[in-house]
Amino acid sequence: MSRTRAYSQDTLDIQKRYFDIMQELVDAKKIPGSLAGFCEVYGIDRRHWYAQRADNGRGYFEVSWLVPLIKYFGVSANWLMLGTGKKFKR
């Protein structure tokens, strides 16, 4: 079990954008299958993913979770990391 972690405000903002865009992609049916399938394909422990989404103070969040969104789903790294520019690069 992960202990609660004191994330910086920047990390909390990145997490919020990450989970917001994930929900947007799910709602638009751009994530094939399910969130569990997404986690499996991209090597994310789904228990950690769901726990982190439920409590952003959990210590599970990893930068590697951002990579598939940037690499395969066209999410802008600038928007995801900095909150500037357009959400999608395509």
N, C-alpha and C. Protein backbone atom coordinates (compact mmCIF):
# COMPACT_ATOMS: atom_id res chain seq x y z
N MET A 1 0.84 -1.19 0.00
CA MET A 1 0.00 0.00 0.00
C MET A 1 0.88 1.24 0.00
N SER A 2 0.56 2.16 -0.86
CA SER A 2 1.33 3.39 -0.97
C SER A 2 0.93 4.36 0.14
N ARG A 3 1.92 5.05 0.65
CA ARG A 3 1.64 6.08 1.64
C ARG A 3 1.19 7.35 0.93
N THR A 4 0.46 8.18 1.65
CA THR A 4 0.09 9.48 1.12
C THR A 4 1.36 10.26 0.89
N ARG A 5 1.36 11.01 -0.20
CA ARG A 5 2.55 11.74 -0.59
C ARG A 5 2.20 13.22 -0.74
N ALA A 6 3.12 14.08 -0.38
CA ALA A 6 2.93 15.52 -0.54
C ALA A 6 3.48 15.93 -1.90
N TYR A 7 2.62 15.90 -2.92
CA TYR A 7 3.02 16.31 -4.26
C TYR A 7 3.07 17.83 -4.35
N SER A 8 3.94 18.35 -5.21
CA SER A 8 3.96 19.78 -5.47
C SER A 8 2.70 20.17 -6.22
N GLN A 9 2.37 21.46 -6.19
CA GLN A 9 1.19 21.93 -6.91
C GLN A 9 1.33 21.65 -8.41
N ASP A 10 2.54 21.77 -8.96
CA ASP A 10 2.75 21.47 -10.38
C ASP A 10 2.37 20.02 -10.69
N THR A 11 2.78 19.09 -9.83
CA THR A 11 2.46 17.68 -10.04
C THR A 11 0.96 17.45 -9.91
N LEU A 12 0.33 18.08 -8.96
CA LEU A 12 -1.13 17.95 -8.81
C LEU A 12 -1.85 18.49 -10.04
N ASP A 13 -1.35 19.59 -10.60
CA ASP A 13 -1.95 20.15 -11.81
C ASP A 13 -1.79 19.21 -13.00
N ILE A 14 -0.62 18.59 -13.12
CA ILE A 14 -0.38 17.62 -14.20
C ILE A 14 -1.31 16.43 -14.04
N GLN A 15 -1.43 15.93 -12.82
CA GLN A 15 -2.34 14.81 -12.56
C GLN A 15 -3.77 15.15 -12.96
N LYS A 16 -4.21 16.35 -12.60
CA LYS A 16 -5.58 16.75 -12.93
C LYS A 16 -5.76 16.77 -14.45
N ARG A 17 -4.81 17.36 -15.18
CA ARG A 17 -4.92 17.38 -16.64
C ARG A 17 -4.89 15.96 -17.20
N TYR A 18 -4.03 15.11 -16.63
CA TYR A 18 -3.93 13.72 -17.09
C TYR A 18 -5.28 13.00 -16.94
N PHE A 19 -5.86 13.05 -15.75
CA PHE A 19 -7.12 12.33 -15.53
C PHE A 19 -8.27 12.98 -16.30
N ASP A 20 -8.24 14.29 -16.46
CA ASP A 20 -9.27 14.97 -17.26
C ASP A 20 -9.21 14.52 -18.72
N ILE A 21 -8.02 14.47 -19.30
CA ILE A 21 -7.90 14.08 -20.71
C ILE A 21 -8.20 12.60 -20.88
N MET A 22 -7.82 11.79 -19.90
CA MET A 22 -8.18 10.37 -19.98
C MET A 22 -9.70 10.22 -20.03
N GLN A 23 -10.42 10.95 -19.19
CA GLN A 23 -11.88 10.87 -19.20
C GLN A 23 -12.44 11.36 -20.53
N GLU A 24 -11.86 12.43 -21.05
CA GLU A 24 -12.30 12.96 -22.35
C GLU A 24 -12.11 11.92 -23.45
N LEU A 25 -10.97 11.23 -23.44
CA LEU A 25 -10.70 10.21 -24.45
C LEU A 25 -11.65 9.02 -24.30
N VAL A 26 -11.95 8.63 -23.07
CA VAL A 26 -12.90 7.54 -22.82
C VAL A 26 -14.29 7.94 -23.32
N ASP A 27 -14.72 9.14 -22.97
CA ASP A 27 -16.05 9.61 -23.37
C ASP A 27 -16.17 9.68 -24.90
N ALA A 28 -15.07 10.04 -25.58
CA ALA A 28 -15.07 10.14 -27.04
C ALA A 28 -14.82 8.78 -27.70
N LYS A 29 -14.71 7.75 -26.87
CA LYS A 29 -14.46 6.37 -27.35
C LYS A 29 -13.16 6.26 -28.16
N LYS A 30 -12.16 7.03 -27.73
CA LYS A 30 -10.84 6.98 -28.39
C LYS A 30 -9.89 6.02 -27.69
N ILE A 31 -10.27 5.56 -26.51
CA ILE A 31 -9.51 4.53 -25.79
C ILE A 31 -10.19 3.21 -26.14
N PRO A 32 -9.53 2.38 -26.95
CA PRO A 32 -10.17 1.11 -27.32
C PRO A 32 -10.34 0.20 -26.10
N GLY A 33 -11.48 -0.44 -26.03
CA GLY A 33 -11.72 -1.36 -24.92
C GLY A 33 -12.10 -0.62 -23.66
N SER A 34 -11.30 -0.78 -22.63
CA SER A 34 -11.61 -0.21 -21.33
C SER A 34 -10.36 0.43 -20.74
N LEU A 35 -10.55 1.13 -19.63
CA LEU A 35 -9.39 1.68 -18.93
C LEU A 35 -8.47 0.57 -18.43
N ALA A 36 -9.06 -0.54 -18.00
CA ALA A 36 -8.25 -1.67 -17.56
C ALA A 36 -7.38 -2.18 -18.71
N GLY A 37 -7.97 -2.25 -19.91
CA GLY A 37 -7.21 -2.67 -21.08
C GLY A 37 -6.12 -1.68 -21.43
N PHE A 38 -6.41 -0.39 -21.32
CA PHE A 38 -5.41 0.66 -21.55
C PHE A 38 -4.23 0.45 -20.61
N CYS A 39 -4.54 0.25 -19.33
CA CYS A 39 -3.48 0.05 -18.34
C CYS A 39 -2.64 -1.18 -18.67
N GLU A 40 -3.29 -2.25 -19.08
CA GLU A 40 -2.56 -3.48 -19.41
C GLU A 40 -1.64 -3.27 -20.61
N VAL A 41 -2.17 -2.66 -21.66
CA VAL A 41 -1.38 -2.45 -22.89
C VAL A 41 -0.16 -1.57 -22.62
N TYR A 42 -0.33 -0.55 -21.78
CA TYR A 42 0.76 0.41 -21.57
C TYR A 42 1.52 0.19 -20.26
N GLY A 43 1.33 -0.96 -19.64
CA GLY A 43 2.15 -1.34 -18.48
C GLY A 43 1.91 -0.53 -17.22
N ILE A 44 0.68 -0.12 -17.03
CA ILE A 44 0.31 0.64 -15.83
C ILE A 44 -0.46 -0.29 -14.91
N ASP A 45 -0.07 -0.36 -13.66
CA ASP A 45 -0.81 -1.17 -12.70
C ASP A 45 -2.18 -0.53 -12.50
N ARG A 46 -3.21 -1.21 -12.94
CA ARG A 46 -4.55 -0.59 -12.93
C ARG A 46 -5.02 -0.29 -11.51
N ARG A 47 -4.61 -1.09 -10.54
CA ARG A 47 -5.00 -0.80 -9.15
C ARG A 47 -4.41 0.53 -8.72
N HIS A 48 -3.16 0.78 -9.12
CA HIS A 48 -2.52 2.05 -8.80
C HIS A 48 -3.22 3.20 -9.53
N TRP A 49 -3.57 2.96 -10.80
CA TRP A 49 -4.23 4.00 -11.60
C TRP A 49 -5.53 4.44 -10.93
N TYR A 50 -6.37 3.45 -10.59
CA TYR A 50 -7.66 3.76 -9.97
C TYR A 50 -7.48 4.39 -8.58
N ALA A 51 -6.53 3.92 -7.80
CA ALA A 51 -6.29 4.48 -6.46
C ALA A 51 -5.82 5.92 -6.57
N GLN A 52 -4.95 6.19 -7.54
CA GLN A 52 -4.44 7.55 -7.72
C GLN A 52 -5.55 8.49 -8.17
N ARG A 53 -6.41 8.02 -9.07
CA ARG A 53 -7.52 8.85 -9.54
C ARG A 53 -8.46 9.18 -8.37
N ALA A 54 -8.69 8.23 -7.49
CA ALA A 54 -9.59 8.44 -6.35
C ALA A 54 -8.99 9.36 -5.30
N ASP A 55 -7.67 9.36 -5.17
CA ASP A 55 -6.98 10.15 -4.14
C ASP A 55 -5.66 10.65 -4.72
N ASN A 56 -5.64 11.91 -5.16
CA ASN A 56 -4.44 12.41 -5.84
C ASN A 56 -3.23 12.57 -4.93
N GLY A 57 -3.39 12.30 -3.64
CA GLY A 57 -2.26 12.34 -2.72
C GLY A 57 -1.54 11.00 -2.60
N ARG A 58 -2.07 9.98 -3.26
CA ARG A 58 -1.42 8.66 -3.21
C ARG A 58 -0.08 8.74 -3.92
N GLY A 59 0.82 7.88 -3.59
CA GLY A 59 2.17 7.93 -4.15
C GLY A 59 2.39 7.09 -5.38
N TYR A 60 1.34 6.82 -6.16
CA TYR A 60 1.47 5.93 -7.31
C TYR A 60 1.75 6.64 -8.63
N PHE A 61 1.42 7.90 -8.75
CA PHE A 61 1.50 8.61 -10.02
C PHE A 61 2.92 8.58 -10.59
N GLU A 62 3.02 8.22 -11.87
CA GLU A 62 4.32 8.14 -12.54
C GLU A 62 4.29 8.93 -13.84
N VAL A 63 5.38 9.57 -14.15
CA VAL A 63 5.50 10.32 -15.40
C VAL A 63 5.29 9.40 -16.60
N SER A 64 5.67 8.14 -16.49
CA SER A 64 5.52 7.20 -17.60
C SER A 64 4.05 7.03 -18.01
N TRP A 65 3.11 7.36 -17.15
CA TRP A 65 1.70 7.28 -17.50
C TRP A 65 1.34 8.30 -18.59
N LEU A 66 2.11 9.36 -18.69
CA LEU A 66 1.84 10.42 -19.66
C LEU A 66 2.25 10.02 -21.07
N VAL A 67 3.25 9.16 -21.17
CA VAL A 67 3.87 8.83 -22.46
C VAL A 67 2.88 8.32 -23.50
N PRO A 68 2.01 7.33 -23.20
CA PRO A 68 1.09 6.86 -24.24
C PRO A 68 0.17 7.95 -24.77
N LEU A 69 -0.25 8.86 -23.90
CA LEU A 69 -1.12 9.94 -24.35
C LEU A 69 -0.42 10.83 -25.37
N ILE A 70 0.84 11.11 -25.11
CA ILE A 70 1.63 11.96 -26.00
C ILE A 70 2.01 11.21 -27.27
N LYS A 71 2.46 9.99 -27.09
CA LYS A 71 3.01 9.21 -28.20
C LYS A 71 1.95 8.63 -29.13
N TYR A 72 0.84 8.15 -28.58
CA TYR A 72 -0.13 7.41 -29.39
C TYR A 72 -1.50 8.08 -29.53
N PHE A 73 -1.80 9.05 -28.67
CA PHE A 73 -3.13 9.65 -28.71
C PHE A 73 -3.10 11.13 -29.10
N GLY A 74 -1.93 11.65 -29.43
CA GLY A 74 -1.82 13.01 -29.94
C GLY A 74 -2.02 14.12 -28.93
N VAL A 75 -1.92 13.80 -27.65
CA VAL A 75 -2.06 14.83 -26.62
C VAL A 75 -0.78 15.66 -26.62
N SER A 76 -0.92 16.95 -26.53
CA SER A 76 0.22 17.87 -26.52
C SER A 76 0.98 17.76 -25.20
N ALA A 77 2.28 17.54 -25.30
CA ALA A 77 3.12 17.48 -24.09
C ALA A 77 3.12 18.84 -23.38
N ASN A 78 3.12 19.92 -24.16
CA ASN A 78 3.08 21.26 -23.53
C ASN A 78 1.81 21.44 -22.72
N TRP A 79 0.68 21.04 -23.28
CA TRP A 79 -0.56 21.18 -22.54
C TRP A 79 -0.57 20.28 -21.31
N LEU A 80 -0.15 19.04 -21.49
CA LEU A 80 -0.19 18.08 -20.39
C LEU A 80 0.74 18.50 -19.24
N MET A 81 1.93 18.95 -19.58
CA MET A 81 2.92 19.30 -18.55
C MET A 81 2.75 20.73 -18.02
N LEU A 82 2.44 21.68 -18.91
CA LEU A 82 2.45 23.08 -18.54
C LEU A 82 1.07 23.73 -18.50
N GLY A 83 0.10 23.08 -19.13
CA GLY A 83 -1.23 23.65 -19.18
C GLY A 83 -1.36 24.77 -20.20
N THR A 84 -0.43 24.83 -21.16
CA THR A 84 -0.47 25.89 -22.18
C THR A 84 -0.70 25.29 -23.56
N GLY A 85 -1.29 26.09 -24.43
CA GLY A 85 -1.52 25.65 -25.80
C GLY A 85 -2.74 24.76 -25.92
N LYS A 86 -2.84 24.12 -27.08
CA LYS A 86 -3.97 23.25 -27.38
C LYS A 86 -3.75 21.87 -26.76
N LYS A 87 -4.85 21.19 -26.45
CA LYS A 87 -4.78 19.86 -25.84
C LYS A 87 -4.15 18.83 -26.79
N PHE A 88 -4.48 18.95 -28.07
CA PHE A 88 -4.01 17.95 -29.03
C PHE A 88 -3.07 18.58 -30.04
N LYS A 89 -2.03 17.84 -30.38
CA LYS A 89 -1.04 18.35 -31.33
C LYS A 89 -1.45 18.09 -32.77
N ARG A 90 -2.42 17.22 -33.02
CA ARG A 90 -2.86 16.93 -34.38
C ARG A 90 -4.12 17.68 -34.70
